[in-house]
Amino acid sequence: MTLTSALGLGQTALELGLINSLTVLALFLSYSMLNVCDLSTDGCFTLGACVGAVVAISGHPWLALPAAMCAGVVSGFVTALLQTRMGVESLLAGIIVNTALYSINIAVMGNSSLLNMNKTETVFTKAKALLKSTALSGQYKLLVALVAVVLVIVFLSLFLRTRLGLAIRATGNNPDMVRSSSINPAFTTTVGLCVSNSFTALSGCLLAQSQKSVNIDIGTGMVTIALASLLIGGTFMGRGSIPKRAVGVVLGSFIFRLVYAIALRFDMPASMLKLVSSVIVVIAISGPYLKSRVPMLRRRLGHAREARGAEREVR
């Protein structure tokens, strides 16, 4: 692999990693902070891509971003409604919404499974035009994704320090204590899921505008990718302040995409990439546990050596 191809590979992985990190940040809020495993991520990601594409095709690429986020808020609200007001378990609520979103996404796309945006202006083409005469003209996709990620990290860092943000974090840690403090956990759960799903939809919208096409399966497997990236980021950065953990999430997304890109570079069949995702998730989940078992294994090996030494002395 030449240096030029390696740099191109790294840039592509960084661009996709930044765009997908918005979904990982959404999972960071819902899973890590709120302690809700939202399985509607795949459908919500596709919803954001579909809504964003339709609005961009109509001639409003910048309006596509808030439109996609509003669609994500609605998706999060329905998921939270099922959980908090209708007694549906969080996992089942996510599955139900994800299934329903398939039909909704097809309807948004005009009963088509594919939208072509080759002749459509997007936020990326707008950024490219703005940077045309500068040294950063070739990095327009990277800059747009970076700005979006920085804004979301700043928002999360500030939001989770507010009274409502602290209530959301408390709901994830101990909902009974939240109830005793006269805070409605149903409200905090609803707000948390609405915000997190808006980030997921924004991620889908940016990916659709970046690759200038949308298909109905664009969000398939995103919850697995986001979970793997979240766990990888947690392994590297550990626990700490919200900004530090959020940056770790972005780092985890980049590392995951880099592994993906390397797998593609080695001509791995596309059908095997889901297996790669699953293996990365297993490693990310089991890694900390296996690491914690290393001292005990060393002690056992030490005792075994001492026992063998004692047997030799007796003989």
C-alpha atoms as a PDB file:
ATOM      1  CA  MET A   1       0.000   0.000   0.000  1.00  0.00           C
ATOM      2  CA  THR A   2       1.479   3.359  -1.035  1.00  0.00           C
ATOM      3  CA  LEU A   3       1.552   6.413   1.205  1.00  0.00           C
ATOM      4  CA  THR A   4      -1.012   8.185  -0.987  1.00  0.00           C
ATOM      5  CA  SER A   5      -3.483   5.308  -0.840  1.00  0.00           C
ATOM      6  CA  ALA A   6      -2.939   4.982   2.927  1.00  0.00           C
ATOM      7  CA  LEU A   7      -3.692   8.675   3.425  1.00  0.00           C
ATOM      8  CA  GLY A   8      -6.774   8.382   1.211  1.00  0.00           C
ATOM      9  CA  LEU A   9      -7.922   5.370   3.208  1.00  0.00           C
ATOM     10  CA  GLY A  10      -7.429   7.246   6.471  1.00  0.00           C
ATOM     11  CA  GLN A  11      -9.312  10.314   5.215  1.00  0.00           C
ATOM     12  CA  THR A  12     -12.259   8.228   4.025  1.00  0.00           C
ATOM     13  CA  ALA A  13     -12.373   6.392   7.347  1.00  0.00           C
ATOM     14  CA  LEU A  14     -12.212   9.714   9.204  1.00  0.00           C
ATOM     15  CA  GLU A  15     -15.030  11.245   7.148  1.00  0.00           C
ATOM     16  CA  LEU A  16     -17.333   8.249   7.603  1.00  0.00           C
ATOM     17  CA  GLY A  17     -16.254   7.899  11.216  1.00  0.00           C
ATOM     18  CA  LEU A  18     -17.209  11.502  11.976  1.00  0.00           C
ATOM     19  CA  ILE A  19     -20.584  11.200  10.244  1.00  0.00           C
ATOM     20  CA  ASN A  20     -21.374   7.902  11.997  1.00  0.00           C
ATOM     21  CA  SER A  21     -20.098   9.248  15.317  1.00  0.00           C
ATOM     22  CA  LEU A  22     -23.269  11.349  15.518  1.00  0.00           C
ATOM     23  CA  THR A  23     -25.207   8.082  15.813  1.00  0.00           C
ATOM     24  CA  VAL A  24     -22.690   6.869  18.396  1.00  0.00           C
ATOM     25  CA  LEU A  25     -23.169  10.093  20.364  1.00  0.00           C
ATOM     26  CA  ALA A  26     -26.919   9.429  20.207  1.00  0.00           C
ATOM     27  CA  LEU A  27     -26.335   5.979  21.672  1.00  0.00           C
ATOM     28  CA  PHE A  28     -24.005   7.543  24.246  1.00  0.00           C
ATOM     29  CA  LEU A  29     -26.931   9.651  25.443  1.00  0.00           C
ATOM     30  CA  SER A  30     -29.621   6.950  25.340  1.00  0.00           C
ATOM     31  CA  TYR A  31     -27.568   3.896  26.371  1.00  0.00           C
ATOM     32  CA  SER A  32     -24.808   5.281  28.598  1.00  0.00           C
ATOM     33  CA  MET A  33     -26.629   8.213  30.194  1.00  0.00           C
ATOM     34  CA  LEU A  34     -30.300   7.162  30.129  1.00  0.00           C
ATOM     35  CA  ASN A  35     -29.671   3.383  30.365  1.00  0.00           C
ATOM     36  CA  VAL A  36     -32.129   2.666  27.537  1.00  0.00           C
ATOM     37  CA  CYS A  37     -31.134   0.328  24.724  1.00  0.00           C
ATOM     38  CA  ASP A  38     -32.883   1.922  21.748  1.00  0.00           C
ATOM     39  CA  LEU A  39     -33.172  -0.619  18.925  1.00  0.00           C
ATOM     40  CA  SER A  40     -34.989   1.837  16.664  1.00  0.00           C
ATOM     41  CA  THR A  41     -31.588   3.260  15.647  1.00  0.00           C
ATOM     42  CA  ASP A  42     -31.481   1.518  12.247  1.00  0.00           C
ATOM     43  CA  GLY A  43     -34.903   2.789  11.207  1.00  0.00           C
ATOM     44  CA  CYS A  44     -34.335   6.280  12.613  1.00  0.00           C
ATOM     45  CA  PHE A  45     -31.023   6.573  10.740  1.00  0.00           C
ATOM     46  CA  THR A  46     -32.798   5.647   7.500  1.00  0.00           C
ATOM     47  CA  LEU A  47     -35.640   8.053   8.322  1.00  0.00           C
ATOM     48  CA  GLY A  48     -33.180  10.930   8.660  1.00  0.00           C
ATOM     49  CA  ALA A  49     -31.517   9.957   5.372  1.00  0.00           C
ATOM     50  CA  CYS A  50     -34.871   9.745   3.544  1.00  0.00           C
ATOM     51  CA  VAL A  51     -36.304  12.998   4.891  1.00  0.00           C
ATOM     52  CA  GLY A  52     -33.018  14.824   4.316  1.00  0.00           C
ATOM     53  CA  ALA A  53     -32.761  13.506   0.755  1.00  0.00           C
ATOM     54  CA  VAL A  54     -36.337  14.460  -0.140  1.00  0.00           C
ATOM     55  CA  VAL A  55     -35.911  17.993   1.239  1.00  0.00           C
ATOM     56  CA  ALA A  56     -32.514  18.408  -0.479  1.00  0.00           C
ATOM     57  CA  ILE A  57     -33.940  17.186  -3.802  1.00  0.00           C
ATOM     58  CA  SER A  58     -36.651  19.827  -3.485  1.00  0.00           C
ATOM     59  CA  GLY A  59     -33.869  22.441  -3.450  1.00  0.00           C
ATOM     60  CA  HIS A  60     -33.252  23.039   0.280  1.00  0.00           C
ATOM     61  CA  PRO A  61     -30.036  21.243   1.357  1.00  0.00           C
ATOM     62  CA  TRP A  62     -29.566  23.290   4.546  1.00  0.00           C
ATOM     63  CA  LEU A  63     -33.219  22.912   5.543  1.00  0.00           C
ATOM     64  CA  ALA A  64     -32.761  19.150   5.145  1.00  0.00           C
ATOM     65  CA  LEU A  65     -30.685  19.034   8.350  1.00  0.00           C
ATOM     66  CA  PRO A  66     -33.302  20.423  10.797  1.00  0.00           C
ATOM     67  CA  ALA A  67     -36.044  18.566   8.896  1.00  0.00           C
ATOM     68  CA  ALA A  68     -34.249  15.261   9.421  1.00  0.00           C
ATOM     69  CA  MET A  69     -33.652  16.082  13.086  1.00  0.00           C
ATOM     70  CA  CYS A  70     -37.347  16.884  13.595  1.00  0.00           C
ATOM     71  CA  ALA A  71     -38.231  13.525  12.042  1.00  0.00           C
ATOM     72  CA  GLY A  72     -35.810  11.896  14.494  1.00  0.00           C
ATOM     73  CA  VAL A  73     -37.491  13.708  17.397  1.00  0.00           C
ATOM     74  CA  VAL A  74     -40.856  12.255  16.342  1.00  0.00           C
ATOM     75  CA  SER A  75     -39.340   8.772  16.141  1.00  0.00           C
ATOM     76  CA  GLY A  76     -37.826   9.154  19.601  1.00  0.00           C
ATOM     77  CA  PHE A  77     -41.110  10.462  20.997  1.00  0.00           C
ATOM     78  CA  VAL A  78     -43.046   7.433  19.711  1.00  0.00           C
ATOM     79  CA  THR A  79     -40.424   5.056  21.144  1.00  0.00           C
ATOM     80  CA  ALA A  80     -40.577   6.818  24.511  1.00  0.00           C
ATOM     81  CA  LEU A  81     -44.397   6.861  24.424  1.00  0.00           C
ATOM     82  CA  LEU A  82     -44.496   3.096  24.014  1.00  0.00           C
ATOM     83  CA  GLN A  83     -42.114   2.660  26.942  1.00  0.00           C
ATOM     84  CA  THR A  84     -43.395   5.201  29.423  1.00  0.00           C
ATOM     85  CA  ARG A  85     -47.149   5.381  28.735  1.00  0.00           C
ATOM     86  CA  MET A  86     -48.069   2.020  27.218  1.00  0.00           C
ATOM     87  CA  GLY A  87     -45.985  -0.362  29.329  1.00  0.00           C
ATOM     88  CA  VAL A  88     -43.902  -1.758  26.453  1.00  0.00           C
ATOM     89  CA  GLU A  89     -40.376  -2.902  27.359  1.00  0.00           C
ATOM     90  CA  SER A  90     -37.632  -0.684  25.932  1.00  0.00           C
ATOM     91  CA  LEU A  91     -36.138  -3.408  23.720  1.00  0.00           C
ATOM     92  CA  LEU A  92     -39.541  -4.365  22.317  1.00  0.00           C
ATOM     93  CA  ALA A  93     -40.523  -0.715  21.825  1.00  0.00           C
ATOM     94  CA  GLY A  94     -37.397  -0.144  19.754  1.00  0.00           C
ATOM     95  CA  ILE A  95     -38.073  -3.220  17.626  1.00  0.00           C
ATOM     96  CA  ILE A  96     -41.691  -2.160  17.034  1.00  0.00           C
ATOM     97  CA  VAL A  97     -40.723   1.372  15.984  1.00  0.00           C
ATOM     98  CA  ASN A  98     -37.876   0.078  13.819  1.00  0.00           C
ATOM     99  CA  THR A  99     -40.283  -2.265  12.014  1.00  0.00           C
ATOM    100  CA  ALA A 100     -42.887   0.466  11.515  1.00  0.00           C
ATOM    101  CA  LEU A 101     -40.274   2.893  10.200  1.00  0.00           C
ATOM    102  CA  TYR A 102     -39.513   0.604   7.267  1.00  0.00           C
ATOM    103  CA  SER A 103     -42.950   1.295   5.796  1.00  0.00           C
ATOM    104  CA  ILE A 104     -42.776   4.983   6.721  1.00  0.00           C
ATOM    105  CA  ASN A 105     -39.375   5.359   5.064  1.00  0.00           C
ATOM    106  CA  ILE A 106     -40.657   3.735   1.865  1.00  0.00           C
ATOM    107  CA  ALA A 107     -43.567   6.193   1.898  1.00  0.00           C
ATOM    108  CA  VAL A 108     -41.238   9.170   2.449  1.00  0.00           C
ATOM    109  CA  MET A 109     -39.185   8.040  -0.556  1.00  0.00           C
ATOM    110  CA  GLY A 110     -42.305   8.020  -2.754  1.00  0.00           C
ATOM    111  CA  ASN A 111     -42.825   4.247  -2.624  1.00  0.00           C
ATOM    112  CA  SER A 112     -39.332   3.715  -4.019  1.00  0.00           C
ATOM    113  CA  SER A 113     -36.430   1.889  -2.399  1.00  0.00           C
ATOM    114  CA  LEU A 114     -33.774   4.170  -3.927  1.00  0.00           C
ATOM    115  CA  LEU A 115     -33.287   7.925  -4.328  1.00  0.00           C
ATOM    116  CA  ASN A 116     -30.588   9.287  -6.637  1.00  0.00           C
ATOM    117  CA  MET A 117     -29.091  12.660  -5.659  1.00  0.00           C
ATOM    118  CA  ASN A 118     -26.368  12.976  -8.296  1.00  0.00           C
ATOM    119  CA  LYS A 119     -27.823  16.233  -9.645  1.00  0.00           C
ATOM    120  CA  THR A 120     -28.852  17.545  -6.229  1.00  0.00           C
ATOM    121  CA  GLU A 121     -27.119  20.330  -4.338  1.00  0.00           C
ATOM    122  CA  THR A 122     -26.125  19.248  -0.847  1.00  0.00           C
ATOM    123  CA  VAL A 123     -24.458  20.871   2.147  1.00  0.00           C
ATOM    124  CA  PHE A 124     -21.229  19.258   0.940  1.00  0.00           C
ATOM    125  CA  THR A 125     -21.421  20.786  -2.543  1.00  0.00           C
ATOM    126  CA  LYS A 126     -22.223  24.125  -0.917  1.00  0.00           C
ATOM    127  CA  ALA A 127     -19.155  23.788   1.318  1.00  0.00           C
ATOM    128  CA  LYS A 128     -17.039  22.779  -1.673  1.00  0.00           C
ATOM    129  CA  ALA A 129     -18.093  25.946  -3.508  1.00  0.00           C
ATOM    130  CA  LEU A 130     -17.269  28.103  -0.475  1.00  0.00           C
ATOM    131  CA  LEU A 131     -13.805  26.538  -0.103  1.00  0.00           C
ATOM    132  CA  LYS A 132     -13.078  26.431  -3.830  1.00  0.00           C
ATOM    133  CA  SER A 133     -10.247  28.981  -3.784  1.00  0.00           C
ATOM    134  CA  THR A 134      -8.699  27.862  -0.469  1.00  0.00           C
ATOM    135  CA  ALA A 135      -6.185  25.197   0.494  1.00  0.00           C
ATOM    136  CA  LEU A 136      -8.974  23.240   2.195  1.00  0.00           C
ATOM    137  CA  SER A 137     -11.012  22.720  -0.978  1.00  0.00           C
ATOM    138  CA  GLY A 138     -10.245  18.998  -1.009  1.00  0.00           C
ATOM    139  CA  GLN A 139     -11.290  18.536   2.619  1.00  0.00           C
ATOM    140  CA  TYR A 140     -14.825  19.921   2.361  1.00  0.00           C
ATOM    141  CA  LYS A 141     -16.545  16.677   3.434  1.00  0.00           C
ATOM    142  CA  LEU A 142     -14.233  16.328   6.397  1.00  0.00           C
ATOM    143  CA  LEU A 143     -14.841  19.924   7.496  1.00  0.00           C
ATOM    144  CA  VAL A 144     -18.641  19.678   7.270  1.00  0.00           C
ATOM    145  CA  ALA A 145     -18.653  16.440   9.296  1.00  0.00           C
ATOM    146  CA  LEU A 146     -16.186  17.885  11.824  1.00  0.00           C
ATOM    147  CA  VAL A 147     -18.277  21.025  12.360  1.00  0.00           C
ATOM    148  CA  ALA A 148     -21.412  18.908  12.923  1.00  0.00           C
ATOM    149  CA  VAL A 149     -19.639  16.646  15.424  1.00  0.00           C
ATOM    150  CA  VAL A 150     -18.087  19.566  17.349  1.00  0.00           C
ATOM    151  CA  LEU A 151     -21.464  21.299  17.616  1.00  0.00           C
ATOM    152  CA  VAL A 152     -23.131  18.123  18.909  1.00  0.00           C
ATOM    153  CA  ILE A 153     -20.352  17.509  21.457  1.00  0.00           C
ATOM    154  CA  VAL A 154     -20.574  21.099  22.708  1.00  0.00           C
ATOM    155  CA  PHE A 155     -24.369  20.824  22.930  1.00  0.00           C
ATOM    156  CA  LEU A 156     -24.187  17.536  24.844  1.00  0.00           C
ATOM    157  CA  SER A 157     -21.507  18.865  27.217  1.00  0.00           C
ATOM    158  CA  LEU A 158     -23.631  21.909  28.050  1.00  0.00           C
ATOM    159  CA  PHE A 159     -27.018  20.154  28.017  1.00  0.00           C
ATOM    160  CA  LEU A 160     -25.987  17.364  30.388  1.00  0.00           C
ATOM    161  CA  ARG A 161     -24.866  19.977  32.925  1.00  0.00           C
ATOM    162  CA  THR A 162     -28.257  21.666  33.016  1.00  0.00           C
ATOM    163  CA  ARG A 163     -30.917  20.736  35.541  1.00  0.00           C
ATOM    164  CA  LEU A 164     -32.803  18.726  32.924  1.00  0.00           C
ATOM    165  CA  GLY A 165     -29.594  17.047  31.734  1.00  0.00           C
ATOM    166  CA  LEU A 166     -28.675  16.063  35.293  1.00  0.00           C
ATOM    167  CA  ALA A 167     -32.199  14.694  35.742  1.00  0.00           C
ATOM    168  CA  ILE A 168     -31.741  12.568  32.610  1.00  0.00           C
ATOM    169  CA  ARG A 169     -28.457  11.189  33.938  1.00  0.00           C
ATOM    170  CA  ALA A 170     -30.067  10.522  37.316  1.00  0.00           C
ATOM    171  CA  THR A 171     -32.935   8.679  35.611  1.00  0.00           C
ATOM    172  CA  GLY A 172     -30.445   6.325  34.006  1.00  0.00           C
ATOM    173  CA  ASN A 173     -28.666   5.716  37.318  1.00  0.00           C
ATOM    174  CA  ASN A 174     -31.608   5.423  39.710  1.00  0.00           C
ATOM    175  CA  PRO A 175     -35.178   6.104  38.492  1.00  0.00           C
ATOM    176  CA  ASP A 176     -36.626   5.441  41.960  1.00  0.00           C
ATOM    177  CA  MET A 177     -34.513   8.227  43.452  1.00  0.00           C
ATOM    178  CA  VAL A 178     -35.657  10.515  40.629  1.00  0.00           C
ATOM    179  CA  ARG A 179     -39.308   9.790  41.483  1.00  0.00           C
ATOM    180  CA  SER A 180     -38.671  10.555  45.150  1.00  0.00           C
ATOM    181  CA  SER A 181     -37.188  13.908  44.075  1.00  0.00           C
ATOM    182  CA  SER A 182     -40.491  14.880  42.385  1.00  0.00           C
ATOM    183  CA  ILE A 183     -39.019  14.459  38.901  1.00  0.00           C
ATOM    184  CA  ASN A 184     -41.079  12.569  36.342  1.00  0.00           C
ATOM    185  CA  PRO A 185     -38.839   9.823  34.837  1.00  0.00           C
ATOM    186  CA  ALA A 186     -41.270   9.442  31.920  1.00  0.00           C
ATOM    187  CA  PHE A 187     -40.585  13.052  30.939  1.00  0.00           C
ATOM    188  CA  THR A 188     -36.800  12.763  31.233  1.00  0.00           C
ATOM    189  CA  THR A 189     -36.829   9.496  29.264  1.00  0.00           C
ATOM    190  CA  THR A 190     -38.921  11.106  26.530  1.00  0.00           C
ATOM    191  CA  VAL A 191     -36.631  14.147  26.268  1.00  0.00           C
ATOM    192  CA  GLY A 192     -33.519  11.956  26.249  1.00  0.00           C
ATOM    193  CA  LEU A 193     -34.810   9.698  23.471  1.00  0.00           C
ATOM    194  CA  CYS A 194     -36.037  12.639  21.393  1.00  0.00           C
ATOM    195  CA  VAL A 195     -32.626  14.328  21.569  1.00  0.00           C
ATOM    196  CA  SER A 196     -30.686  11.130  20.879  1.00  0.00           C
ATOM    197  CA  ASN A 197     -32.870  10.189  17.909  1.00  0.00           C
ATOM    198  CA  SER A 198     -32.442  13.672  16.435  1.00  0.00           C
ATOM    199  CA  PHE A 199     -28.668  13.047  16.365  1.00  0.00           C
ATOM    200  CA  THR A 200     -29.210   9.663  14.717  1.00  0.00           C
ATOM    201  CA  ALA A 201     -31.406  11.221  12.028  1.00  0.00           C
ATOM    202  CA  LEU A 202     -28.852  13.998  11.464  1.00  0.00           C
ATOM    203  CA  SER A 203     -26.176  11.347  10.949  1.00  0.00           C
ATOM    204  CA  GLY A 204     -28.331   9.600   8.354  1.00  0.00           C
ATOM    205  CA  CYS A 205     -29.056  12.890   6.590  1.00  0.00           C
ATOM    206  CA  LEU A 206     -25.362  13.779   6.336  1.00  0.00           C
ATOM    207  CA  LEU A 207     -24.429  10.322   5.061  1.00  0.00           C
ATOM    208  CA  ALA A 208     -27.128  10.492   2.386  1.00  0.00           C
ATOM    209  CA  GLN A 209     -25.935  13.914   1.226  1.00  0.00           C
ATOM    210  CA  SER A 210     -22.313  12.773   1.335  1.00  0.00           C
ATOM    211  CA  GLN A 211     -22.809   9.722  -0.885  1.00  0.00           C
ATOM    212  CA  LYS A 212     -25.570  11.398  -2.946  1.00  0.00           C
ATOM    213  CA  SER A 213     -27.927   8.451  -2.774  1.00  0.00           C
ATOM    214  CA  VAL A 214     -30.319   6.778  -0.372  1.00  0.00           C
ATOM    215  CA  ASN A 215     -31.541   3.216  -0.324  1.00  0.00           C
ATOM    216  CA  ILE A 216     -33.959   1.661   2.095  1.00  0.00           C
ATOM    217  CA  ASP A 217     -31.196  -0.418   3.702  1.00  0.00           C
ATOM    218  CA  ILE A 218     -28.825   2.492   4.384  1.00  0.00           C
ATOM    219  CA  GLY A 219     -29.333   2.197   8.138  1.00  0.00           C
ATOM    220  CA  THR A 220     -29.115  -1.596   8.417  1.00  0.00           C
ATOM    221  CA  GLY A 221     -26.681  -2.603  11.155  1.00  0.00           C
ATOM    222  CA  MET A 222     -26.148   0.949  12.461  1.00  0.00           C
ATOM    223  CA  VAL A 223     -27.046  -0.030  16.015  1.00  0.00           C
ATOM    224  CA  THR A 224     -24.314  -2.691  15.936  1.00  0.00           C
ATOM    225  CA  ILE A 225     -21.771  -0.264  14.485  1.00  0.00           C
ATOM    226  CA  ALA A 226     -22.701   2.421  17.015  1.00  0.00           C
ATOM    227  CA  LEU A 227     -22.532   0.014  19.944  1.00  0.00           C
ATOM    228  CA  ALA A 228     -19.117  -1.265  18.849  1.00  0.00           C
ATOM    229  CA  SER A 229     -17.817   2.293  18.420  1.00  0.00           C
ATOM    230  CA  LEU A 230     -19.218   3.302  21.813  1.00  0.00           C
ATOM    231  CA  LEU A 231     -17.504   0.401  23.555  1.00  0.00           C
ATOM    232  CA  ILE A 232     -14.218   0.945  21.705  1.00  0.00           C
ATOM    233  CA  GLY A 233     -14.264   4.606  22.706  1.00  0.00           C
ATOM    234  CA  GLY A 234     -14.986   3.677  26.306  1.00  0.00           C
ATOM    235  CA  THR A 235     -12.038   1.250  26.303  1.00  0.00           C
ATOM    236  CA  PHE A 236      -9.626   3.914  25.051  1.00  0.00           C
ATOM    237  CA  MET A 237     -10.816   6.924  27.060  1.00  0.00           C
ATOM    238  CA  GLY A 238     -12.327   5.224  30.098  1.00  0.00           C
ATOM    239  CA  ARG A 239     -14.519   7.201  32.424  1.00  0.00           C
ATOM    240  CA  GLY A 240     -14.229  10.923  32.994  1.00  0.00           C
ATOM    241  CA  SER A 241     -15.944  14.162  32.080  1.00  0.00           C
ATOM    242  CA  ILE A 242     -18.684  14.286  29.459  1.00  0.00           C
ATOM    243  CA  PRO A 243     -16.492  16.050  26.840  1.00  0.00           C
ATOM    244  CA  LYS A 244     -13.719  13.487  27.332  1.00  0.00           C
ATOM    245  CA  ARG A 245     -16.117  10.568  26.949  1.00  0.00           C
ATOM    246  CA  ALA A 246     -17.762  12.184  23.914  1.00  0.00           C
ATOM    247  CA  VAL A 247     -14.367  12.602  22.235  1.00  0.00           C
ATOM    248  CA  GLY A 248     -13.670   8.947  23.056  1.00  0.00           C
ATOM    249  CA  VAL A 249     -16.910   8.022  21.292  1.00  0.00           C
ATOM    250  CA  VAL A 250     -15.770   9.862  18.153  1.00  0.00           C
ATOM    251  CA  LEU A 251     -12.374   8.150  18.371  1.00  0.00           C
ATOM    252  CA  GLY A 252     -14.087   4.775  18.658  1.00  0.00           C
ATOM    253  CA  SER A 253     -16.176   5.510  15.565  1.00  0.00           C
ATOM    254  CA  PHE A 254     -13.045   6.396  13.591  1.00  0.00           C
ATOM    255  CA  ILE A 255     -11.226   3.238  14.711  1.00  0.00           C
ATOM    256  CA  PHE A 256     -14.199   1.087  13.749  1.00  0.00           C
ATOM    257  CA  ARG A 257     -14.423   2.677  10.299  1.00  0.00           C
ATOM    258  CA  LEU A 258     -10.675   2.318   9.838  1.00  0.00           C
ATOM    259  CA  VAL A 259     -10.895  -1.426  10.529  1.00  0.00           C
ATOM    260  CA  TYR A 260     -13.812  -1.593   8.081  1.00  0.00           C
ATOM    261  CA  ALA A 261     -11.828   0.261   5.417  1.00  0.00           C
ATOM    262  CA  ILE A 262      -8.790  -1.989   5.897  1.00  0.00           C
ATOM    263  CA  ALA A 263     -11.010  -5.065   5.555  1.00  0.00           C
ATOM    264  CA  LEU A 264     -12.334  -3.694   2.256  1.00  0.00           C
ATOM    265  CA  ARG A 265      -8.800  -2.894   1.119  1.00  0.00           C
ATOM    266  CA  PHE A 266      -7.887  -6.563   1.530  1.00  0.00           C
ATOM    267  CA  ASP A 267     -10.716  -7.495  -0.856  1.00  0.00           C
ATOM    268  CA  MET A 268     -12.912  -8.987   1.845  1.00  0.00           C
ATOM    269  CA  PRO A 269     -16.336  -9.897   0.370  1.00  0.00           C
ATOM    270  CA  ALA A 270     -19.041  -7.368   1.216  1.00  0.00           C
ATOM    271  CA  SER A 271     -21.139 -10.201   2.640  1.00  0.00           C
ATOM    272  CA  MET A 272     -18.503 -10.730   5.362  1.00  0.00           C
ATOM    273  CA  LEU A 273     -18.521  -7.150   6.668  1.00  0.00           C
ATOM    274  CA  LYS A 274     -21.422  -7.823   9.042  1.00  0.00           C
ATOM    275  CA  LEU A 275     -19.358 -10.658  10.514  1.00  0.00           C
ATOM    276  CA  VAL A 276     -16.477  -8.205  10.971  1.00  0.00           C
ATOM    277  CA  SER A 277     -18.857  -5.852  12.815  1.00  0.00           C
ATOM    278  CA  SER A 278     -19.999  -8.660  15.117  1.00  0.00           C
ATOM    279  CA  VAL A 279     -16.421  -9.726  15.874  1.00  0.00           C
ATOM    280  CA  ILE A 280     -15.460  -6.129  16.718  1.00  0.00           C
ATOM    281  CA  VAL A 281     -18.456  -5.861  19.065  1.00  0.00           C
ATOM    282  CA  VAL A 282     -17.488  -9.123  20.817  1.00  0.00           C
ATOM    283  CA  ILE A 283     -13.889  -7.951  21.237  1.00  0.00           C
ATOM    284  CA  ALA A 284     -14.998  -4.537  22.512  1.00  0.00           C
ATOM    285  CA  ILE A 285     -17.410  -6.058  25.040  1.00  0.00           C
ATOM    286  CA  SER A 286     -15.237  -8.940  26.252  1.00  0.00           C
ATOM    287  CA  GLY A 287     -11.933  -7.020  26.168  1.00  0.00           C
ATOM    288  CA  PRO A 288     -12.311  -5.235  29.550  1.00  0.00           C
ATOM    289  CA  TYR A 289     -13.569  -8.440  31.201  1.00  0.00           C
ATOM    290  CA  LEU A 290     -10.701 -10.521  29.862  1.00  0.00           C
ATOM    291  CA  LYS A 291      -8.251  -7.792  30.886  1.00  0.00           C
ATOM    292  CA  SER A 292      -9.602  -7.917  34.452  1.00  0.00           C
ATOM    293  CA  ARG A 293      -9.050 -11.683  34.513  1.00  0.00           C
ATOM    294  CA  VAL A 294      -5.361 -11.455  33.567  1.00  0.00           C
ATOM    295  CA  PRO A 295      -4.034 -10.919  37.170  1.00  0.00           C
ATOM    296  CA  MET A 296      -5.973 -13.952  38.406  1.00  0.00           C
ATOM    297  CA  LEU A 297      -4.650 -16.102  35.537  1.00  0.00           C
ATOM    298  CA  ARG A 298      -1.113 -14.967  36.358  1.00  0.00           C
ATOM    299  CA  ARG A 299      -1.598 -15.943  40.006  1.00  0.00           C
ATOM    300  CA  ARG A 300      -2.897 -19.354  38.984  1.00  0.00           C
ATOM    301  CA  LEU A 301       0.081 -19.900  36.690  1.00  0.00           C
ATOM    302  CA  GLY A 302       2.404 -18.805  39.515  1.00  0.00           C
ATOM    303  CA  HIS A 303       0.792 -21.264  41.944  1.00  0.00           C
ATOM    304  CA  ALA A 304       1.043 -24.025  39.333  1.00  0.00           C
ATOM    305  CA  ARG A 305       4.774 -23.342  38.873  1.00  0.00           C
ATOM    306  CA  GLU A 306       5.320 -23.354  42.639  1.00  0.00           C
ATOM    307  CA  ALA A 307       3.442 -26.663  42.948  1.00  0.00           C
ATOM    308  CA  ARG A 308       5.537 -28.259  40.187  1.00  0.00           C
ATOM    309  CA  GLY A 309       8.716 -26.961  41.848  1.00  0.00           C
ATOM    310  CA  ALA A 310       7.655 -28.452  45.188  1.00  0.00           C
ATOM    311  CA  GLU A 311       6.972 -31.815  43.532  1.00  0.00           C
ATOM    312  CA  ARG A 312      10.449 -31.849  41.990  1.00  0.00           C
ATOM    313  CA  GLU A 313      12.053 -31.130  45.389  1.00  0.00           C
ATOM    314  CA  VAL A 314      10.105 -33.984  47.002  1.00  0.00           C
ATOM    315  CA  ARG A 315      11.283 -36.387  44.304  1.00  0.00           C
END
